[in-house]
Amino acid sequence: MDAKTAISVAPNPLGDEPLQITLPPFEETCHVRLFDGFGSLIQSWTIDADSAKTIYVDLTGTPAGIFFLQIDGAEPLGLIKL
């Protein structure tokens, strides 16, 4: 991903605070999905075009492990291992 599609995910590793996903403005509507390490969907969002967005995810009670963040629009933009 280039600087125009830089995505911030914090904190990593996750503590007691919510996971914060900061997305830049995209030129088209995009879909954001958070999966656990088994590929099960935890949560999903649709983000409107041209709007920067910060998503807060409360993962209280979710077992520790590896998570994947998938972001796509007309074409996949990326898959991030958290």
N, C-alpha and C. Protein backbone atom coordinates (compact mmCIF):
# COMPACT_ATOMS: atom_id res chain seq x y z
N MET A 1 0.84 -1.18 0.00
CA MET A 1 0.00 0.00 0.00
C MET A 1 0.88 1.24 0.00
N ASP A 2 0.46 2.26 -0.70
CA ASP A 2 1.25 3.47 -0.74
C ASP A 2 0.80 4.43 0.36
N ALA A 3 1.44 5.59 0.44
CA ALA A 3 1.15 6.55 1.50
C ALA A 3 -0.29 7.03 1.47
N LYS A 4 -0.92 7.07 0.29
CA LYS A 4 -2.31 7.53 0.20
C LYS A 4 -3.27 6.53 0.83
N THR A 5 -2.87 5.28 0.96
CA THR A 5 -3.74 4.28 1.56
C THR A 5 -3.18 3.77 2.88
N ALA A 6 -2.35 4.59 3.54
CA ALA A 6 -1.77 4.19 4.82
C ALA A 6 -2.88 3.98 5.85
N ILE A 7 -2.77 2.89 6.57
CA ILE A 7 -3.76 2.51 7.56
C ILE A 7 -3.05 2.36 8.89
N SER A 8 -3.66 2.86 9.94
CA SER A 8 -3.09 2.74 11.28
C SER A 8 -3.96 1.81 12.11
N VAL A 9 -3.32 0.85 12.77
CA VAL A 9 -4.01 -0.06 13.67
C VAL A 9 -3.26 -0.04 14.99
N ALA A 10 -3.94 0.32 16.06
CA ALA A 10 -3.27 0.44 17.37
C ALA A 10 -4.27 0.10 18.47
N PRO A 11 -3.87 -0.31 19.60
CA PRO A 11 -2.52 -0.74 19.91
C PRO A 11 -2.28 -2.17 19.43
N ASN A 12 -1.03 -2.49 19.24
CA ASN A 12 -0.67 -3.84 18.86
C ASN A 12 0.61 -4.18 19.61
N PRO A 13 0.59 -5.06 20.61
CA PRO A 13 -0.52 -5.94 20.95
C PRO A 13 -1.63 -5.21 21.69
N LEU A 14 -2.79 -5.78 21.64
CA LEU A 14 -4.00 -5.20 22.22
C LEU A 14 -4.03 -5.43 23.72
N GLY A 15 -4.39 -4.40 24.47
CA GLY A 15 -4.55 -4.51 25.92
C GLY A 15 -6.03 -4.45 26.27
N ASP A 16 -6.36 -3.65 27.29
CA ASP A 16 -7.75 -3.50 27.71
C ASP A 16 -8.52 -2.47 26.91
N GLU A 17 -7.80 -1.60 26.18
CA GLU A 17 -8.45 -0.54 25.42
C GLU A 17 -8.97 -1.09 24.07
N PRO A 18 -9.92 -0.39 23.45
CA PRO A 18 -10.43 -0.84 22.15
C PRO A 18 -9.36 -0.77 21.06
N LEU A 19 -9.49 -1.62 20.07
CA LEU A 19 -8.65 -1.56 18.89
C LEU A 19 -9.07 -0.35 18.08
N GLN A 20 -8.12 0.46 17.65
CA GLN A 20 -8.39 1.67 16.87
C GLN A 20 -7.85 1.47 15.46
N ILE A 21 -8.75 1.51 14.48
CA ILE A 21 -8.38 1.36 13.07
C ILE A 21 -8.63 2.70 12.40
N THR A 22 -7.57 3.36 11.90
CA THR A 22 -7.71 4.65 11.24
C THR A 22 -7.46 4.47 9.75
N LEU A 23 -8.45 4.86 8.96
CA LEU A 23 -8.40 4.70 7.51
C LEU A 23 -8.31 6.07 6.84
N PRO A 24 -7.58 6.17 5.75
CA PRO A 24 -7.54 7.42 4.99
C PRO A 24 -8.79 7.54 4.14
N PRO A 25 -9.05 8.71 3.55
CA PRO A 25 -10.16 8.80 2.61
C PRO A 25 -9.85 7.99 1.35
N PHE A 26 -10.81 7.22 0.90
CA PHE A 26 -10.68 6.45 -0.33
C PHE A 26 -11.50 7.10 -1.42
N GLU A 27 -11.18 6.81 -2.67
CA GLU A 27 -11.91 7.39 -3.81
C GLU A 27 -13.23 6.68 -4.07
N GLU A 28 -13.47 5.59 -3.41
CA GLU A 28 -14.70 4.83 -3.60
C GLU A 28 -15.11 4.24 -2.26
N THR A 29 -16.35 3.80 -2.18
CA THR A 29 -16.81 3.13 -0.97
C THR A 29 -15.96 1.88 -0.76
N CYS A 30 -15.58 1.62 0.47
CA CYS A 30 -14.79 0.41 0.74
C CYS A 30 -15.45 -0.39 1.85
N HIS A 31 -15.08 -1.63 1.92
CA HIS A 31 -15.60 -2.55 2.93
C HIS A 31 -14.43 -3.01 3.80
N VAL A 32 -14.64 -2.97 5.09
CA VAL A 32 -13.62 -3.34 6.05
C VAL A 32 -14.16 -4.52 6.86
N ARG A 33 -13.34 -5.57 6.96
CA ARG A 33 -13.76 -6.76 7.70
C ARG A 33 -12.64 -7.18 8.64
N LEU A 34 -13.01 -7.56 9.86
CA LEU A 34 -12.07 -8.05 10.85
C LEU A 34 -12.35 -9.52 11.10
N PHE A 35 -11.34 -10.37 10.90
CA PHE A 35 -11.47 -11.81 11.07
C PHE A 35 -10.56 -12.28 12.19
N ASP A 36 -10.95 -13.38 12.84
CA ASP A 36 -10.04 -14.00 13.79
C ASP A 36 -9.10 -14.93 13.04
N GLY A 37 -8.18 -15.56 13.75
CA GLY A 37 -7.19 -16.42 13.12
C GLY A 37 -7.76 -17.65 12.46
N PHE A 38 -9.02 -17.99 12.77
CA PHE A 38 -9.68 -19.14 12.16
C PHE A 38 -10.47 -18.76 10.91
N GLY A 39 -10.48 -17.46 10.59
CA GLY A 39 -11.21 -16.98 9.42
C GLY A 39 -12.65 -16.62 9.69
N SER A 40 -13.05 -16.62 10.96
CA SER A 40 -14.42 -16.24 11.32
C SER A 40 -14.54 -14.72 11.36
N LEU A 41 -15.59 -14.20 10.75
CA LEU A 41 -15.83 -12.76 10.73
C LEU A 41 -16.21 -12.29 12.13
N ILE A 42 -15.49 -11.28 12.62
CA ILE A 42 -15.79 -10.70 13.93
C ILE A 42 -16.71 -9.50 13.76
N GLN A 43 -16.37 -8.63 12.82
CA GLN A 43 -17.16 -7.42 12.59
C GLN A 43 -16.86 -6.89 11.20
N SER A 44 -17.81 -6.14 10.61
CA SER A 44 -17.58 -5.54 9.29
C SER A 44 -18.21 -4.16 9.23
N TRP A 45 -17.66 -3.31 8.33
CA TRP A 45 -18.11 -1.94 8.17
C TRP A 45 -18.07 -1.59 6.69
N THR A 46 -18.94 -0.67 6.27
CA THR A 46 -18.88 -0.07 4.95
C THR A 46 -18.54 1.40 5.14
N ILE A 47 -17.46 1.85 4.49
CA ILE A 47 -16.96 3.21 4.65
C ILE A 47 -17.23 4.00 3.38
N ASP A 48 -17.89 5.14 3.51
CA ASP A 48 -18.20 5.99 2.36
C ASP A 48 -16.94 6.56 1.73
N ALA A 49 -17.02 6.83 0.44
CA ALA A 49 -15.90 7.42 -0.30
C ALA A 49 -15.57 8.80 0.26
N ASP A 50 -14.31 9.18 0.15
CA ASP A 50 -13.81 10.50 0.50
C ASP A 50 -14.00 10.89 1.97
N SER A 51 -14.14 9.92 2.85
CA SER A 51 -14.23 10.28 4.26
C SER A 51 -13.21 9.47 5.05
N ALA A 52 -12.31 10.20 5.73
CA ALA A 52 -11.39 9.52 6.63
C ALA A 52 -12.23 8.96 7.77
N LYS A 53 -11.82 7.88 8.32
CA LYS A 53 -12.66 7.23 9.32
C LYS A 53 -11.79 6.55 10.37
N THR A 54 -12.18 6.68 11.62
CA THR A 54 -11.56 5.92 12.70
C THR A 54 -12.62 5.00 13.27
N ILE A 55 -12.29 3.73 13.33
CA ILE A 55 -13.19 2.70 13.84
C ILE A 55 -12.63 2.22 15.17
N TYR A 56 -13.47 2.12 16.18
CA TYR A 56 -13.07 1.58 17.47
C TYR A 56 -13.77 0.24 17.65
N VAL A 57 -12.99 -0.79 17.97
CA VAL A 57 -13.53 -2.14 18.10
C VAL A 57 -13.26 -2.64 19.51
N ASP A 58 -14.33 -2.93 20.24
CA ASP A 58 -14.20 -3.49 21.58
C ASP A 58 -14.09 -5.00 21.44
N LEU A 59 -12.93 -5.54 21.75
CA LEU A 59 -12.71 -6.98 21.64
C LEU A 59 -12.69 -7.66 23.01
N THR A 60 -13.31 -7.01 24.01
CA THR A 60 -13.40 -7.58 25.34
C THR A 60 -14.05 -8.96 25.25
N GLY A 61 -13.43 -9.93 25.87
CA GLY A 61 -13.96 -11.29 25.87
C GLY A 61 -13.55 -12.11 24.66
N THR A 62 -12.90 -11.49 23.69
CA THR A 62 -12.42 -12.22 22.52
C THR A 62 -11.10 -12.88 22.89
N PRO A 63 -10.96 -14.18 22.64
CA PRO A 63 -9.70 -14.84 22.99
C PRO A 63 -8.50 -14.21 22.27
N ALA A 64 -7.36 -14.20 22.95
CA ALA A 64 -6.13 -13.68 22.36
C ALA A 64 -5.77 -14.51 21.13
N GLY A 65 -5.16 -13.87 20.17
CA GLY A 65 -4.74 -14.58 18.98
C GLY A 65 -4.35 -13.63 17.87
N ILE A 66 -4.26 -14.16 16.67
CA ILE A 66 -3.93 -13.38 15.49
C ILE A 66 -5.24 -12.99 14.80
N PHE A 67 -5.30 -11.74 14.34
CA PHE A 67 -6.48 -11.23 13.65
C PHE A 67 -6.06 -10.70 12.28
N PHE A 68 -7.01 -10.67 11.36
CA PHE A 68 -6.76 -10.19 10.02
C PHE A 68 -7.76 -9.09 9.70
N LEU A 69 -7.26 -8.02 9.10
CA LEU A 69 -8.08 -6.90 8.68
C LEU A 69 -8.08 -6.88 7.16
N GLN A 70 -9.26 -7.03 6.55
CA GLN A 70 -9.39 -7.01 5.10
C GLN A 70 -10.09 -5.72 4.68
N ILE A 71 -9.49 -5.03 3.72
CA ILE A 71 -10.04 -3.78 3.23
C ILE A 71 -10.13 -3.88 1.72
N ASP A 72 -11.33 -3.68 1.17
CA ASP A 72 -11.47 -3.75 -0.28
C ASP A 72 -12.56 -2.82 -0.77
N GLY A 73 -12.41 -2.46 -2.05
CA GLY A 73 -13.39 -1.65 -2.75
C GLY A 73 -13.70 -2.38 -4.03
N ALA A 74 -13.58 -1.70 -5.16
CA ALA A 74 -13.78 -2.36 -6.45
C ALA A 74 -12.71 -3.44 -6.66
N GLU A 75 -11.51 -3.18 -6.12
CA GLU A 75 -10.42 -4.15 -6.13
C GLU A 75 -9.92 -4.28 -4.70
N PRO A 76 -9.41 -5.46 -4.31
CA PRO A 76 -8.87 -5.58 -2.95
C PRO A 76 -7.75 -4.58 -2.71
N LEU A 77 -7.80 -3.92 -1.55
CA LEU A 77 -6.76 -2.95 -1.21
C LEU A 77 -5.71 -3.55 -0.30
N GLY A 78 -6.07 -4.57 0.47
CA GLY A 78 -5.05 -5.17 1.31
C GLY A 78 -5.62 -6.08 2.37
N LEU A 79 -4.77 -6.92 2.89
CA LEU A 79 -5.07 -7.80 4.01
C LEU A 79 -3.93 -7.62 4.99
N ILE A 80 -4.26 -7.23 6.22
CA ILE A 80 -3.25 -6.92 7.21
C ILE A 80 -3.35 -7.94 8.34
N LYS A 81 -2.21 -8.52 8.68
CA LYS A 81 -2.16 -9.44 9.82
C LYS A 81 -1.87 -8.61 11.05
N LEU A 82 -2.72 -8.72 12.08
CA LEU A 82 -2.54 -7.96 13.32
C LEU A 82 -1.98 -8.86 14.40
